[in-house]
Protein backbone atom coordinates (compact mmCIF):
# COMPACT_ATOMS: atom_id res chain seq x y z
CA MET A 1 102.76 106.13 112.15
CA ASN A 2 103.74 102.72 113.54
CA LEU A 3 103.29 99.38 111.85
CA ILE A 4 100.82 97.41 114.07
CA TYR A 5 100.38 94.26 112.03
CA SER A 6 101.62 93.02 108.62
CA THR A 7 101.04 89.76 106.59
CA LYS A 8 101.08 88.63 103.10
CA ILE A 9 98.16 86.78 101.34
CA THR A 10 99.36 83.32 100.33
CA LYS A 11 96.02 81.75 99.06
CA ILE A 12 92.54 82.86 98.19
CA GLY A 13 89.55 80.68 98.71
CA GLU A 14 87.25 80.11 95.66
CA MET A 15 84.31 81.69 97.56
CA VAL A 16 86.03 84.94 98.54
CA PRO A 17 84.77 86.96 95.47
CA GLN A 18 81.24 86.06 96.45
CA PHE A 19 81.62 88.08 99.66
CA TYR A 20 82.72 91.32 97.91
CA PRO A 21 79.03 92.40 97.29
CA GLU A 22 78.34 91.87 101.07
CA LYS A 23 81.41 94.24 101.70
CA MET A 24 83.17 91.54 103.52
CA ILE A 25 86.51 89.68 103.40
CA ILE A 26 87.34 86.88 105.90
CA MET A 27 91.01 86.27 106.87
CA PHE A 28 92.52 83.17 108.34
CA LYS A 29 96.01 81.95 108.87
CA GLU A 30 97.23 79.26 106.43
CA ASN A 31 96.34 76.34 108.86
CA ALA A 32 92.53 77.17 108.57
CA PRO A 33 90.26 74.12 108.53
CA GLN A 34 89.75 73.21 104.86
CA ASP A 35 85.91 73.67 105.03
CA LEU A 36 86.58 77.32 106.02
CA ALA A 37 89.58 77.92 103.72
CA ASP A 38 87.38 78.12 100.68
CA TYR A 39 85.71 81.28 102.04
CA CYS A 40 88.94 83.01 103.35
CA ILE A 41 92.02 84.80 102.22
CA LEU A 42 94.87 82.92 103.82
CA HIS A 43 98.02 84.52 105.09
CA ASN A 44 101.26 83.49 106.88
CA ILE A 45 101.74 85.84 109.85
CA ASN A 46 99.56 86.80 112.79
CA GLN A 47 102.01 88.78 114.98
CA LEU A 48 100.31 91.73 116.34
CA ASN A 49 102.77 94.54 117.59
CA GLU A 50 100.01 96.30 119.72
CA GLU A 51 96.18 96.43 119.90
CA ILE A 52 94.26 97.68 116.92
CA LYS A 53 92.21 100.73 117.57
CA THR A 54 89.45 102.69 115.96
CA GLY A 55 91.02 105.38 113.72
CA TYR A 56 93.93 103.24 112.61
CA ILE A 57 94.36 102.47 108.95
CA LEU A 58 94.10 99.01 107.28
CA LYS A 59 95.97 98.84 103.89
CA ILE A 60 95.60 96.21 101.28
CA ASP A 61 98.75 96.88 99.09
CA ASP A 62 98.33 100.75 98.37
CA THR A 63 94.54 100.93 99.13
CA GLU A 64 93.87 102.46 102.60
CA TYR A 65 90.77 101.97 104.74
CA LYS A 66 90.08 104.00 108.01
CA ILE A 67 89.19 101.53 110.81
CA THR A 68 85.78 102.75 112.15
CA ALA A 69 85.08 100.01 114.79
CA VAL A 70 86.94 97.11 116.38
CA GLY A 71 85.06 94.10 117.64
CA GLY A 72 85.70 92.80 121.18
CA VAL A 73 87.77 89.76 120.12
CA VAL A 74 89.50 91.08 117.04
CA ASN A 75 92.93 91.51 118.63
CA LYS A 76 92.86 88.19 120.45
CA ASN A 77 91.53 86.25 117.29
CA LEU A 78 94.17 87.92 115.06
CA ARG A 79 96.98 87.24 117.51
CA ASP A 80 95.87 83.68 118.31
CA LEU A 81 94.34 82.24 115.05
CA GLY A 82 94.96 85.00 112.33
CA HIS A 83 91.20 84.93 111.83
CA ILE A 84 89.00 88.03 111.71
CA CYS A 85 86.35 89.33 109.33
CA LEU A 86 86.83 92.70 107.62
CA LYS A 87 83.59 94.60 107.00
CA PHE A 88 83.73 97.50 104.69
CA ASP A 89 80.36 99.28 105.64
CA GLY A 90 81.50 102.21 107.87
CA SER A 91 79.85 100.98 111.13
CA LYS A 92 80.80 102.96 114.09
CA GLU A 93 79.73 100.22 116.53
CA ALA A 94 81.02 96.62 116.49
CA ALA A 95 78.04 94.42 116.11
CA LEU A 96 80.03 91.26 115.85
CA ASP A 97 83.04 90.61 118.18
CA GLY A 98 85.30 89.03 115.57
CA THR A 99 84.89 91.82 112.87
CA LEU A 100 87.05 94.83 112.12
CA TYR A 101 84.89 97.38 110.63
CA LEU A 102 86.25 99.72 107.97
CA GLU A 103 85.19 102.80 106.08
CA ASP A 104 82.45 102.31 103.44
CA LYS A 105 84.58 102.26 100.29
CA ASP A 106 85.02 99.78 97.32
CA ILE A 107 86.86 96.65 98.31
CA LYS A 108 90.14 96.11 96.51
CA GLU A 109 90.01 92.75 95.03
CA VAL A 110 92.77 90.80 96.75
CA THR A 111 95.42 88.69 94.96
CA ILE A 112 98.06 86.27 96.05
CA GLY A 113 101.09 88.28 97.32
CA ASP A 114 99.14 91.38 98.43
CA VAL A 115 100.21 92.88 101.86
CA VAL A 116 97.74 93.53 104.53
CA GLU A 117 98.94 95.97 107.13
CA VAL A 118 97.46 98.01 109.98
CA ILE A 119 99.25 101.24 110.87
CA SER A 120 98.55 103.73 113.49
CA ALA A 121 97.01 107.11 112.33
């Protein structure tokens, strides 16, 4: 298992919990425009060691989620902007290009300091 990506949550926008029932979390690097920052978990690193692929694992601290689909611009957006959407609905097809789809499982409520990682399976 290789570490593909790792970052730490530095701020949580006040609207983030409202997306949990929609099975969604939006990530953006700390330099997010203020009008978007309220809806995002903000983090400080967007270094991607290799492309994220279906079957890899996304971890939020110790909670693991299997990646079920990867939108067409997820790798580019994560590398360039630190911005992607995480959708926890188990979709096998990526309906939205900027979304990383994860197994249909309860979302771990994020806290400042949580580490988000992607590891190869």
